[in-house]
Amino acid sequence: MSASLAAPSDRIRVGFIGTGGMGMNRLRGFLKHADIDAVAVCDLDPHHVDQAIEQVRKDRGTAPKTFSDYRRLLEMKDVDAVCIATPDHWHAIPTIQACEANKDVFVEKPLSYSIGEGRAMVNAARKGQRITQMGNHIHNDLPNYRRVVELIQAGTIGKVNRVSVWRTSETKGLGRPADGTPPKGLDYDFWLGPAPARAFNQNRCHFNYRYFWDYSGGMFIDFWCHITDVVYWALGLTAPKAIAATGRRELTDDNGETPNFLEVQYEYPGLDMVWSMNPQGPPGFENWGIGAAFQGPEGTIVTNYSEHKLIRKGKEVLDFIRPAASIADSPGHIREFLDSVKSRKRTTCDVEYGHQLTKAGLLGNIALRTGRRIQWDDAREHIVDDKNADKLVTRRYRKPWKMA
């Protein structure tokens, strides 16, 4: 159906906050749906704004309103929903304020920079009765996870008692550029927002922000939600009881801070899970850049985004009885969000699920940065008997920014 055929009452007016690399991917994804109007775009980098305008004009023949301050976009009465694709440290405040402005929210993964932010995002969405979706698109854009969940829940390998999760990491360094002057037009102080004041360095901004603790938690937190999603889904996990981690950054000559060698041990009730990150995949799966292996008394199920294998006694089993399909295929991650905006039915990756999933990754980074095994009280969302570690559960914002 062409964009012009959708009735005005069926259209969803979307504003896009953050139109860099992932933001442009999301903009293109939303524009594939005939019932949306891209009415506004916002970014602190004017180059990003320009490329978003060009994309909307190409696909719709219209020009969206443009902003450098997301708060002005949220004031628009003719915005029904927003897509937030900013760096991690800028997920929480716009999400909360969008909910307060009666906008539905699609926000990128990981849900939040800190656990405290995630809880505030959930509270804002529930208070405002907003539809939300975390951008964990593998959950809905491919059918593979559904088949894995069905196998695990049908008892194909018995009761799962151990899970191994991995992601291969980078060895090519970022380099060590000198501090300098922000690009013309970039409001760098606004870009820093609630994060500490730092001299501008090109590695700390845009894509590479994820390798600095002020703004994110490295490749680990960048991919945690994508692959651990299938584990949480299949096993119905809530939160770990204890977490320990070790890691380092090496083989790269750069000014990055987050590790590219990492081992995190998680203890859940009746389950141990280990996340591994280094430049090589695990033995036998070196060519799988990302994956999860469920182990039970009747075998192992190994999966990545698009395929899975059943292994028994060290050999892949090709001929086995699959359970009847019980999880319906999805219309797609963005489409599910848009349908929920209309129906007011919760999405499968809404902020509550996103918070529960994201927090375990954030706890892994807390364990790494403190160098201690930490005990987690999920009912109170705090670290037990470790005040210094517990301070990292939420961050102290740089003035004048506040968690709304």
Protein backbone atom coordinates (compact mmCIF):
# COMPACT_ATOMS: atom_id res chain seq x y z
CA MET A 1 0.00 0.00 0.00
CA SER A 2 1.40 3.41 -0.85
CA ALA A 3 1.68 6.07 1.82
CA SER A 4 -1.17 8.07 0.29
CA LEU A 5 -3.69 5.24 0.65
CA ALA A 6 -3.75 5.11 4.44
CA ALA A 7 -6.67 6.99 5.99
CA PRO A 8 -5.59 10.03 8.07
CA SER A 9 -7.11 8.46 11.20
CA ASP A 10 -4.87 5.40 10.76
CA ARG A 11 -1.64 7.33 10.40
CA ILE A 12 1.03 7.53 13.11
CA ARG A 13 3.08 10.71 13.28
CA VAL A 14 6.61 9.89 14.38
CA GLY A 15 9.46 12.11 15.53
CA PHE A 16 13.04 10.84 15.32
CA ILE A 17 15.49 11.79 18.07
CA GLY A 18 19.02 10.86 17.04
CA THR A 19 19.65 10.37 13.32
CA GLY A 20 23.22 9.10 13.20
CA GLY A 21 24.11 5.56 12.11
CA MET A 22 21.48 3.55 13.99
CA GLY A 23 19.05 6.45 13.89
CA MET A 24 19.15 6.45 10.10
CA ASN A 25 18.65 2.69 10.05
CA ARG A 26 15.57 3.12 12.19
CA LEU A 27 14.28 6.02 10.11
CA ARG A 28 14.55 3.91 6.96
CA GLY A 29 12.84 1.04 8.77
CA PHE A 30 9.91 3.18 9.90
CA LEU A 31 9.55 4.71 6.44
CA LYS A 32 8.91 1.26 4.99
CA HIS A 33 5.52 1.35 6.72
CA ALA A 34 2.89 3.21 4.76
CA ASP A 35 0.90 4.35 7.78
CA ILE A 36 3.61 6.52 9.37
CA ASP A 37 4.49 10.13 8.76
CA ALA A 38 8.02 11.24 9.66
CA VAL A 39 6.99 14.67 10.89
CA ALA A 40 10.14 15.70 12.78
CA VAL A 41 13.82 14.86 13.12
CA CYS A 42 16.27 15.94 15.80
CA ASP A 43 20.02 15.63 16.21
CA LEU A 44 22.84 17.68 17.71
CA ASP A 45 24.92 17.17 14.57
CA PRO A 46 23.55 19.20 11.62
CA HIS A 47 25.02 16.66 9.17
CA HIS A 48 22.83 13.99 10.72
CA VAL A 49 19.80 16.25 10.44
CA ASP A 50 20.53 16.90 6.77
CA GLN A 51 20.78 13.21 5.92
CA ALA A 52 17.50 12.54 7.70
CA ILE A 53 15.74 15.31 5.78
CA GLU A 54 17.06 13.91 2.51
CA GLN A 55 15.82 10.42 3.38
CA VAL A 56 12.31 11.61 4.25
CA ARG A 57 12.10 13.69 1.08
CA LYS A 58 13.27 10.72 -1.00
CA ASP A 59 10.76 8.30 0.53
CA ARG A 60 7.80 10.60 1.20
CA GLY A 61 8.29 13.74 -0.83
CA THR A 62 7.82 15.81 2.33
CA ALA A 63 10.15 17.75 4.61
CA PRO A 64 10.04 17.07 8.36
CA LYS A 65 10.43 19.79 10.93
CA THR A 66 13.97 19.89 12.28
CA PHE A 67 15.37 20.42 15.76
CA SER A 68 18.65 20.31 17.62
CA ASP A 69 16.90 20.23 21.03
CA TYR A 70 14.71 17.16 21.49
CA ARG A 71 12.58 19.02 24.04
CA ARG A 72 11.23 21.26 21.30
CA LEU A 73 10.25 18.17 19.29
CA LEU A 74 8.39 16.77 22.31
CA GLU A 75 6.36 19.97 22.49
CA MET A 76 4.81 19.21 19.09
CA LYS A 77 1.14 18.32 19.45
CA ASP A 78 1.13 16.43 16.15
CA VAL A 79 3.71 13.83 17.25
CA ASP A 80 2.19 10.54 18.37
CA ALA A 81 5.39 8.56 18.94
CA VAL A 82 9.14 9.03 18.98
CA CYS A 83 12.06 6.86 17.99
CA ILE A 84 15.07 7.48 20.24
CA ALA A 85 18.38 6.34 18.74
CA THR A 86 20.82 8.41 20.76
CA PRO A 87 23.96 7.21 22.58
CA ASP A 88 23.16 5.11 25.67
CA HIS A 89 23.64 7.94 28.17
CA TRP A 90 20.88 9.85 26.37
CA HIS A 91 18.21 7.11 26.40
CA ALA A 92 16.58 7.77 29.76
CA ILE A 93 15.80 11.48 29.92
CA PRO A 94 14.13 11.77 26.48
CA THR A 95 12.18 8.54 27.08
CA ILE A 96 10.85 9.75 30.42
CA GLN A 97 9.98 13.19 29.09
CA ALA A 98 8.33 11.67 26.00
CA CYS A 99 6.12 9.56 28.24
CA GLU A 100 5.24 12.66 30.25
CA ALA A 101 4.37 14.41 26.97
CA ASN A 102 1.98 11.54 26.05
CA LYS A 103 4.19 10.17 23.27
CA ASP A 104 4.73 6.46 22.71
CA VAL A 105 8.39 5.48 22.60
CA PHE A 106 10.62 3.21 20.54
CA VAL A 107 14.06 3.39 22.20
CA GLU A 108 17.28 1.65 21.26
CA LYS A 109 19.00 -1.08 23.23
CA PRO A 110 20.46 -1.29 25.79
CA LEU A 111 17.46 0.29 27.43
CA SER A 112 19.47 2.52 29.74
CA TYR A 113 22.94 3.58 30.81
CA SER A 114 22.19 2.62 34.43
CA ILE A 115 19.79 0.40 36.35
CA GLY A 116 18.30 3.38 38.15
CA GLU A 117 17.50 5.01 34.82
CA GLY A 118 15.82 1.83 33.58
CA ARG A 119 13.52 1.73 36.61
CA ALA A 120 12.60 5.39 36.11
CA MET A 121 11.81 4.69 32.44
CA VAL A 122 9.50 1.83 33.39
CA ASN A 123 7.76 3.96 36.01
CA ALA A 124 7.23 6.81 33.53
CA ALA A 125 5.81 4.50 30.87
CA ARG A 126 3.43 2.83 33.28
CA LYS A 127 2.30 6.11 34.84
CA GLY A 128 1.64 7.61 31.43
CA GLN A 129 0.14 4.39 30.02
CA ARG A 130 2.50 4.62 27.08
CA ILE A 131 3.32 2.00 24.47
CA THR A 132 7.05 1.30 24.37
CA GLN A 133 9.46 -0.93 22.50
CA MET A 134 13.18 -1.46 23.05
CA GLY A 135 15.03 -1.77 19.75
CA ASN A 136 15.97 -5.42 20.23
CA HIS A 137 14.97 -6.24 16.67
CA ILE A 138 16.35 -9.81 16.45
CA HIS A 139 13.51 -10.75 18.84
CA ASN A 140 10.91 -10.13 16.15
CA ASP A 141 12.62 -9.69 12.80
CA LEU A 142 13.81 -13.30 12.50
CA PRO A 143 11.92 -16.53 13.36
CA ASN A 144 14.95 -18.41 14.72
CA TYR A 145 14.61 -17.43 18.39
CA ARG A 146 11.00 -18.59 18.40
CA ARG A 147 12.01 -22.08 17.32
CA VAL A 148 14.77 -22.21 19.96
CA VAL A 149 12.38 -21.12 22.71
CA GLU A 150 9.93 -23.82 21.66
CA LEU A 151 12.65 -26.50 21.78
CA ILE A 152 13.89 -25.43 25.21
CA GLN A 153 10.42 -25.10 26.71
CA ALA A 154 9.38 -28.48 25.27
CA GLY A 155 12.21 -30.13 27.22
CA THR A 156 14.21 -31.24 24.17
CA ILE A 157 17.44 -31.23 26.21
CA GLY A 158 15.84 -31.59 29.65
CA LYS A 159 16.12 -28.95 32.37
CA VAL A 160 18.72 -26.41 31.33
CA ASN A 161 21.36 -26.00 34.04
CA ARG A 162 24.07 -24.04 32.24
CA VAL A 163 24.19 -21.43 29.49
CA SER A 164 27.24 -20.09 27.69
CA VAL A 165 26.91 -16.83 25.77
CA TRP A 166 29.62 -15.22 23.65
CA ARG A 167 30.53 -12.44 21.29
CA THR A 168 33.79 -12.07 19.41
CA SER A 169 35.45 -8.71 19.96
CA GLU A 170 37.55 -6.25 18.07
CA THR A 171 41.33 -6.18 17.84
CA LYS A 172 41.62 -3.17 15.55
CA GLY A 173 42.25 -0.16 17.72
CA LEU A 174 40.52 3.20 17.58
CA GLY A 175 43.79 5.12 17.51
CA ARG A 176 44.81 7.88 19.90
CA PRO A 177 43.68 11.19 18.40
CA ALA A 178 44.51 14.28 20.39
CA ASP A 179 41.77 16.24 22.11
CA GLY A 180 40.50 19.01 19.93
CA THR A 181 37.61 21.21 18.91
CA PRO A 182 34.12 19.79 18.26
CA PRO A 183 32.96 19.79 14.61
CA LYS A 184 31.26 22.96 13.48
CA GLY A 185 27.60 22.96 14.46
CA LEU A 186 27.84 20.19 17.07
CA ASP A 187 26.63 21.30 20.51
CA TYR A 188 29.13 19.17 22.38
CA ASP A 189 28.08 20.30 25.86
CA PHE A 190 24.51 19.20 25.07
CA TRP A 191 25.88 15.94 23.62
CA LEU A 192 27.61 15.23 26.94
CA GLY A 193 24.36 15.99 28.77
CA PRO A 194 24.26 14.19 32.13
CA ALA A 195 27.72 12.66 31.59
CA PRO A 196 30.85 14.26 33.12
CA ALA A 197 32.44 17.23 31.36
CA ARG A 198 35.33 16.09 29.16
CA ALA A 199 37.50 17.67 26.51
CA PHE A 200 36.26 16.83 23.02
CA ASN A 201 37.93 13.82 21.44
CA GLN A 202 36.70 12.40 18.16
CA ASN A 203 36.81 8.88 19.58
CA ARG A 204 34.45 9.78 22.40
CA CYS A 205 31.69 10.97 20.09
CA HIS A 206 29.28 9.36 17.61
CA PHE A 207 29.82 5.63 16.95
CA ASN A 208 32.86 5.09 19.18
CA TYR A 209 31.15 6.52 22.27
CA ARG A 210 30.33 2.90 23.23
CA TYR A 211 33.96 2.23 24.15
CA PHE A 212 33.98 4.82 26.94
CA TRP A 213 32.50 4.31 30.41
CA ASP A 214 30.97 7.79 30.56
CA TYR A 215 28.47 6.95 27.82
CA SER A 216 28.08 3.18 27.54
CA GLY A 217 29.45 -0.21 28.58
CA GLY A 218 31.41 -1.37 25.56
CA MET A 219 30.74 -4.04 22.98
CA PHE A 220 29.51 -6.22 25.85
CA ILE A 221 26.47 -4.10 26.69
CA ASP A 222 26.00 -3.22 23.01
CA PHE A 223 25.29 -6.87 22.16
CA TRP A 224 24.10 -8.21 25.51
CA CYS A 225 20.42 -7.57 24.85
CA HIS A 226 20.52 -9.08 21.36
CA ILE A 227 21.84 -12.55 22.18
CA THR A 228 20.87 -12.91 25.85
CA ASP A 229 17.30 -12.12 24.83
CA VAL A 230 16.80 -15.71 23.66
CA VAL A 231 18.06 -17.00 27.03
CA TYR A 232 15.73 -14.80 29.07
CA TRP A 233 12.83 -15.64 26.77
CA ALA A 234 13.35 -19.39 26.75
CA LEU A 235 14.02 -19.77 30.48
CA GLY A 236 11.80 -17.01 31.85
CA LEU A 237 14.71 -15.44 33.74
CA THR A 238 14.28 -12.45 36.00
CA ALA A 239 17.59 -11.37 37.54
CA PRO A 240 20.82 -12.97 38.74
CA LYS A 241 21.57 -13.44 42.43
CA ALA A 242 25.34 -13.03 42.15
CA ILE A 243 27.74 -11.73 39.51
CA ALA A 244 31.53 -11.82 39.12
CA ALA A 245 33.65 -10.58 36.22
CA THR A 246 37.15 -10.21 34.93
CA GLY A 247 38.31 -8.41 31.80
CA ARG A 248 40.89 -6.25 30.11
CA ARG A 249 41.49 -4.20 26.98
CA GLU A 250 44.48 -5.28 24.92
CA LEU A 251 45.62 -5.97 21.34
CA THR A 252 44.39 -2.47 20.53
CA ASP A 253 46.49 0.69 20.51
CA ASP A 254 43.89 3.28 21.35
CA ASN A 255 42.32 5.44 24.02
CA GLY A 256 39.26 3.20 24.44
CA GLU A 257 38.35 2.14 27.97
CA THR A 258 35.99 -0.83 27.84
CA PRO A 259 37.34 -4.40 27.63
CA ASN A 260 37.59 -6.60 24.58
CA PHE A 261 38.45 -9.61 26.75
CA LEU A 262 35.70 -10.31 29.26
CA GLU A 263 34.32 -13.19 31.33
CA VAL A 264 31.19 -12.64 33.41
CA GLN A 265 29.74 -15.33 35.66
CA TYR A 266 26.07 -15.13 36.58
CA GLU A 267 24.30 -17.18 39.21
CA TYR A 268 20.55 -17.54 38.77
CA PRO A 269 18.33 -19.86 40.80
CA GLY A 270 19.19 -23.34 39.51
CA LEU A 271 21.24 -21.96 36.61
CA ASP A 272 24.76 -20.77 35.87
CA MET A 273 25.41 -18.51 32.92
CA VAL A 274 28.76 -17.35 31.57
CA TRP A 275 29.25 -14.51 29.09
CA SER A 276 32.56 -14.65 27.22
CA MET A 277 34.01 -12.01 24.95
CA ASN A 278 37.35 -12.23 23.16
CA PRO A 279 38.53 -12.10 19.54
CA GLN A 280 37.80 -15.83 18.99
CA GLY A 281 34.58 -17.77 19.33
CA PRO A 282 34.47 -20.83 21.62
CA PRO A 283 36.04 -24.15 20.50
CA GLY A 284 34.03 -25.68 17.68
CA PHE A 285 32.21 -22.41 16.98
CA GLU A 286 35.09 -20.13 16.07
CA ASN A 287 33.21 -19.03 12.96
CA TRP A 288 30.18 -17.91 14.97
CA GLY A 289 30.72 -14.30 15.96
CA ILE A 290 27.88 -14.43 18.46
CA GLY A 291 25.96 -17.25 20.08
CA ALA A 292 24.36 -18.96 23.06
CA ALA A 293 24.63 -22.61 24.12
CA PHE A 294 21.94 -24.12 26.35
CA GLN A 295 23.16 -27.23 28.18
CA GLY A 296 20.93 -29.86 29.74
CA PRO A 297 21.12 -33.57 30.62
CA GLU A 298 19.77 -34.54 27.17
CA GLY A 299 22.09 -32.44 25.05
CA THR A 300 23.00 -28.91 24.00
CA ILE A 301 21.18 -26.40 21.81
CA VAL A 302 23.43 -23.79 20.24
CA THR A 303 22.02 -20.74 18.51
CA ASN A 304 22.99 -17.48 16.90
CA TYR A 305 20.66 -14.93 15.34
CA SER A 306 19.61 -17.00 12.34
CA GLU A 307 20.31 -20.69 12.97
CA HIS A 308 20.47 -23.29 15.71
CA LYS A 309 21.80 -26.81 16.22
CA LEU A 310 21.01 -29.73 18.53
CA ILE A 311 24.12 -31.54 19.77
CA ARG A 312 24.14 -34.84 21.66
CA LYS A 313 27.27 -36.69 22.76
CA GLY A 314 29.41 -34.28 20.78
CA LYS A 315 27.62 -34.78 17.47
CA GLU A 316 25.02 -32.66 15.72
CA VAL A 317 21.61 -34.34 15.53
CA LEU A 318 19.92 -33.59 12.23
CA ASP A 319 16.83 -35.78 12.51
CA PHE A 320 14.78 -35.15 15.64
CA ILE A 321 11.16 -34.50 16.48
CA ARG A 322 10.35 -30.83 16.87
CA PRO A 323 7.52 -29.60 19.06
CA ALA A 324 4.54 -28.07 17.34
CA ALA A 325 5.04 -24.37 16.66
CA SER A 326 3.47 -22.51 19.59
CA ILE A 327 4.87 -18.99 19.16
CA ALA A 328 3.37 -17.12 16.27
CA ASP A 329 5.75 -15.37 13.91
CA SER A 330 5.98 -11.63 14.30
CA PRO A 331 5.01 -8.97 11.77
CA GLY A 332 8.41 -7.41 12.54
CA HIS A 333 9.83 -5.37 15.38
CA ILE A 334 8.85 -1.93 14.14
CA ARG A 335 5.52 -3.18 12.80
CA GLU A 336 4.69 -4.70 16.18
CA PHE A 337 5.35 -1.33 17.80
CA LEU A 338 3.16 0.52 15.30
CA ASP A 339 0.35 -2.03 15.69
CA SER A 340 0.56 -1.62 19.46
CA VAL A 341 0.38 2.15 19.17
CA LYS A 342 -2.99 1.60 17.54
CA SER A 343 -4.27 -1.29 19.69
CA ARG A 344 -2.70 -0.12 23.01
CA LYS A 345 -1.54 -3.69 23.59
CA ARG A 346 1.96 -4.02 25.11
CA THR A 347 4.79 -4.99 22.82
CA THR A 348 6.97 -8.03 23.45
CA CYS A 349 10.08 -5.92 24.16
CA ASP A 350 8.51 -3.06 26.08
CA VAL A 351 10.49 -1.11 28.67
CA GLU A 352 9.70 -3.53 31.49
CA TYR A 353 11.14 -6.49 29.60
CA GLY A 354 13.94 -4.26 28.32
CA HIS A 355 14.80 -3.17 31.87
CA GLN A 356 14.87 -6.72 33.21
CA LEU A 357 17.09 -7.83 30.35
CA THR A 358 19.41 -4.82 30.35
CA LYS A 359 20.03 -4.75 34.10
CA ALA A 360 21.96 -8.04 34.14
CA GLY A 361 24.37 -6.69 31.55
CA LEU A 362 24.80 -3.52 33.58
CA LEU A 363 25.45 -5.63 36.69
CA GLY A 364 28.18 -7.47 34.81
CA ASN A 365 29.93 -4.18 34.15
CA ILE A 366 29.56 -3.14 37.79
CA ALA A 367 31.20 -6.40 38.89
CA LEU A 368 34.01 -5.81 36.41
CA ARG A 369 34.64 -2.21 37.42
CA THR A 370 34.62 -2.92 41.16
CA GLY A 371 36.64 -6.13 40.83
CA ARG A 372 34.33 -7.85 43.28
CA ARG A 373 31.69 -10.56 43.27
CA ILE A 374 28.43 -8.77 43.94
CA GLN A 375 25.14 -9.96 45.42
CA TRP A 376 21.98 -8.54 43.87
CA ASP A 377 18.65 -7.93 45.63
CA ASP A 378 16.23 -7.63 42.71
CA ALA A 379 13.18 -6.81 44.83
CA ARG A 380 14.90 -3.66 46.09
CA GLU A 381 17.15 -3.27 43.05
CA HIS A 382 20.33 -2.75 45.00
CA ILE A 383 23.67 -4.44 45.61
CA VAL A 384 23.86 -6.11 49.01
CA ASP A 385 26.49 -5.04 51.58
CA ASP A 386 28.64 -3.07 49.14
CA LYS A 387 27.96 0.65 49.24
CA ASN A 388 30.63 1.55 46.70
CA ALA A 389 29.30 -0.92 44.15
CA ASP A 390 25.72 0.14 44.87
CA LYS A 391 26.62 3.72 43.91
CA LEU A 392 27.01 2.47 40.33
CA VAL A 393 23.39 1.26 40.19
CA THR A 394 22.49 4.78 39.12
CA ARG A 395 24.61 7.72 38.07
CA ARG A 396 24.96 11.19 39.49
CA TYR A 397 23.96 13.56 36.70
CA ARG A 398 25.99 16.59 35.71
CA LYS A 399 24.07 19.78 36.38
CA PRO A 400 21.66 21.04 35.21
CA TRP A 401 20.42 17.67 33.96
CA LYS A 402 18.05 15.67 36.15
CA MET A 403 16.27 12.36 35.76
CA ALA A 404 12.74 13.65 35.26
